[in-house]
Structure formats: structure tokens, C-alpha cells
Amino acid sequence: MGTSGVPNKYTQWYASSLGKGSYFLTAPWCAIYVAWVAERAGVRAKVGTDAYTPTWAAWYAGKGRWGIAPRPGAIVFFDWSSGKSRSGIDHAGIVEKVHSDGSITSIEGNSSGRVQRVHRTSSIVGYGYWA
């Protein structure tokens, strides 16, 4: 929690370890953070790895693992313009907790430029279920 700025250990891992190139050292890194967490947990093959959030959401949909019901551990995808299309997604995180009112707590990289726990009630497009 709290890591901020770029490059950081997440963008360095994505650029170097995955051979994605130096552009990703300073790219938007919310999805890179999620992939890094999945790598450390040993589940990246199931979670996927894509720095471009619309493509990553489409990957889940293509595998029949996309939905609108929150679940702890799911990858949550957001559209800050409040659209509901996967093509408009511009942020991702990991659902930590689902609250009785339907809101979620998520862990997100590049949320206000840092890793943080966030309570969300809106702008959610859907969820990628990897497990």
C-alpha cells in the first residue's frame, strides 16, 4: 500500500520481466499492478496479463468469465465516464470485499497515483472471474 510514482517495481517488472518494453516503465499502471499481484500469488496464467484494460476485459468475456456480480478476488473494471461498455474501461483493481449495499472495497494500483484500498459505489462496468 502507498507505492506511488513511475517507474516503480510494478512497471519495472512488466517492462523487464515480461519483455514488454520501456514504454511501460511510465505507462498507466493499474492493470500492471493487478498482474504483478497475480504473478506473486502464482495465478497470473488464470488472471491474465494485459496493461490495456479494455483488451483485458474482453479476454475475460471471451473465456466466458465476465459478469456484473461482485465477488471477492474478482478483477473489477471501471469506466470513469460511467459508461457500461467494455470498450470504455479505463481502470482495474481487485475486489477485496463486497458490502451488503452492493458497494465494494478494492485494492487498486495507480489510484490517485498510488496503491490504495478504495471503497467504490459507481463507475463499475463489470468483473473478470479468474477462479
Protein backbone atom coordinates (compact mmCIF):
# COMPACT_ATOMS: atom_id res chain seq x y z
CA MET A 1 0.00 0.00 0.00
CA GLY A 2 1.12 3.51 -0.71
CA THR A 3 3.61 2.89 -3.53
CA SER A 4 3.43 5.84 -5.88
CA GLY A 5 5.10 7.32 -8.94
CA VAL A 6 6.61 5.75 -12.01
CA PRO A 7 8.70 3.90 -12.74
CA ASN A 8 8.00 1.61 -9.80
CA LYS A 9 8.53 -2.07 -9.04
CA TYR A 10 5.31 -3.00 -10.86
CA THR A 11 6.08 -1.16 -14.10
CA GLN A 12 9.70 -2.35 -13.97
CA TRP A 13 8.51 -5.95 -13.64
CA TYR A 14 6.09 -5.58 -16.55
CA ALA A 15 8.60 -3.85 -18.82
CA SER A 16 11.60 -6.05 -17.99
CA SER A 17 10.48 -9.46 -16.76
CA LEU A 18 7.73 -9.79 -19.34
CA GLY A 19 9.77 -8.14 -22.08
CA LYS A 20 7.09 -5.55 -22.83
CA GLY A 21 9.48 -2.64 -23.41
CA SER A 22 10.48 0.64 -21.83
CA TYR A 23 7.21 2.40 -22.70
CA PHE A 24 5.60 0.52 -19.81
CA LEU A 25 8.01 1.96 -17.25
CA THR A 26 5.86 5.10 -17.15
CA ALA A 27 2.56 3.85 -18.60
CA PRO A 28 -0.72 3.91 -16.65
CA TRP A 29 -0.21 1.00 -14.28
CA CYS A 30 -3.46 -0.12 -12.64
CA ALA A 31 -3.67 -3.34 -14.70
CA ILE A 32 0.10 -3.84 -14.42
CA TYR A 33 -0.30 -3.79 -10.65
CA VAL A 34 -3.09 -6.40 -10.75
CA ALA A 35 -0.97 -8.66 -12.99
CA TRP A 36 2.00 -8.23 -10.62
CA VAL A 37 -0.15 -9.30 -7.65
CA ALA A 38 -1.37 -12.32 -9.64
CA GLU A 39 2.23 -13.22 -10.51
CA ARG A 40 3.24 -13.09 -6.83
CA ALA A 41 0.23 -15.24 -5.93
CA GLY A 42 1.13 -17.80 -8.62
CA VAL A 43 -2.14 -17.33 -10.54
CA ARG A 44 -1.16 -14.98 -13.38
CA ALA A 45 -1.94 -17.62 -16.04
CA LYS A 46 -5.56 -17.65 -14.78
CA VAL A 47 -5.84 -13.92 -14.10
CA GLY A 48 -4.18 -12.80 -17.32
CA THR A 49 -1.76 -10.02 -18.12
CA ASP A 50 -2.73 -7.03 -20.18
CA ALA A 51 -1.89 -3.40 -19.48
CA TYR A 52 -4.74 -2.21 -21.71
CA THR A 53 -7.88 -2.63 -19.62
CA PRO A 54 -10.47 -2.91 -22.46
CA THR A 55 -8.48 -5.75 -24.02
CA TRP A 56 -8.14 -7.47 -20.67
CA ALA A 57 -11.89 -7.24 -20.01
CA ALA A 58 -12.56 -8.64 -23.50
CA TRP A 59 -10.20 -11.53 -22.69
CA TYR A 60 -12.39 -12.42 -19.69
CA ALA A 61 -15.55 -12.13 -21.79
CA GLY A 62 -14.04 -14.37 -24.47
CA LYS A 63 -13.42 -17.04 -21.84
CA GLY A 64 -16.98 -16.78 -20.51
CA ARG A 65 -15.65 -15.35 -17.25
CA TRP A 66 -17.18 -11.86 -17.37
CA GLY A 67 -20.12 -10.66 -15.28
CA ILE A 68 -21.71 -7.89 -13.28
CA ALA A 69 -21.89 -9.51 -9.84
CA PRO A 70 -19.05 -8.56 -7.47
CA ARG A 71 -17.05 -11.34 -5.82
CA PRO A 72 -14.02 -11.13 -3.56
CA GLY A 73 -10.90 -11.77 -5.62
CA ALA A 74 -12.51 -10.83 -8.93
CA ILE A 75 -10.88 -8.23 -11.14
CA VAL A 76 -13.08 -5.14 -11.20
CA PHE A 77 -13.12 -2.89 -14.26
CA PHE A 78 -14.15 0.78 -14.18
CA ASP A 79 -15.15 3.46 -16.68
CA TRP A 80 -14.70 6.91 -15.15
CA SER A 81 -17.19 8.39 -17.63
CA SER A 82 -19.80 5.98 -16.14
CA GLY A 83 -20.34 4.08 -19.38
CA LYS A 84 -21.21 0.40 -19.32
CA SER A 85 -19.26 -0.76 -22.37
CA ARG A 86 -16.07 -2.81 -22.06
CA SER A 87 -14.51 -0.56 -24.71
CA GLY A 88 -14.73 2.40 -22.33
CA ILE A 89 -12.91 0.77 -19.45
CA ASP A 90 -10.00 2.80 -18.13
CA HIS A 91 -9.14 1.34 -14.70
CA ALA A 92 -8.92 -2.01 -12.92
CA GLY A 93 -8.46 -3.34 -9.40
CA ILE A 94 -9.00 -6.39 -7.23
CA VAL A 95 -12.22 -6.81 -5.24
CA GLU A 96 -11.33 -7.23 -1.59
CA LYS A 97 -14.80 -7.11 -0.06
CA VAL A 98 -18.42 -6.92 -1.20
CA HIS A 99 -20.69 -4.92 1.12
CA SER A 100 -24.37 -5.59 1.80
CA ASP A 101 -25.36 -2.39 -0.07
CA GLY A 102 -23.68 -3.69 -3.26
CA SER A 103 -20.63 -1.44 -2.98
CA ILE A 104 -17.13 -2.89 -2.94
CA THR A 105 -13.77 -2.32 -1.38
CA SER A 106 -10.99 -2.86 -3.89
CA ILE A 107 -7.22 -2.77 -3.88
CA GLU A 108 -6.00 -0.69 -6.81
CA GLY A 109 -2.71 0.35 -8.30
CA ASN A 110 -2.44 3.81 -9.83
CA SER A 111 -5.48 5.02 -7.91
CA SER A 112 -4.71 8.71 -7.47
CA GLY A 113 -1.20 7.67 -8.49
CA ARG A 114 -0.62 5.11 -5.76
CA VAL A 115 -1.59 1.67 -4.44
CA GLN A 116 -4.52 2.02 -2.11
CA ARG A 117 -7.67 0.44 -0.70
CA VAL A 118 -10.76 2.18 -2.12
CA HIS A 119 -14.49 1.98 -1.39
CA ARG A 120 -16.43 2.14 -4.69
CA THR A 121 -20.13 2.51 -5.44
CA SER A 122 -20.14 3.61 -9.08
CA SER A 123 -18.36 3.57 -12.46
CA ILE A 124 -18.11 -0.23 -12.34
CA VAL A 125 -18.51 -1.83 -15.77
CA GLY A 126 -18.07 -5.44 -14.69
CA TYR A 127 -15.88 -8.15 -13.25
CA GLY A 128 -13.43 -10.72 -14.52
CA TYR A 129 -13.71 -14.02 -12.67
CA TRP A 130 -10.50 -15.98 -12.75
CA ALA A 131 -11.32 -18.60 -10.14
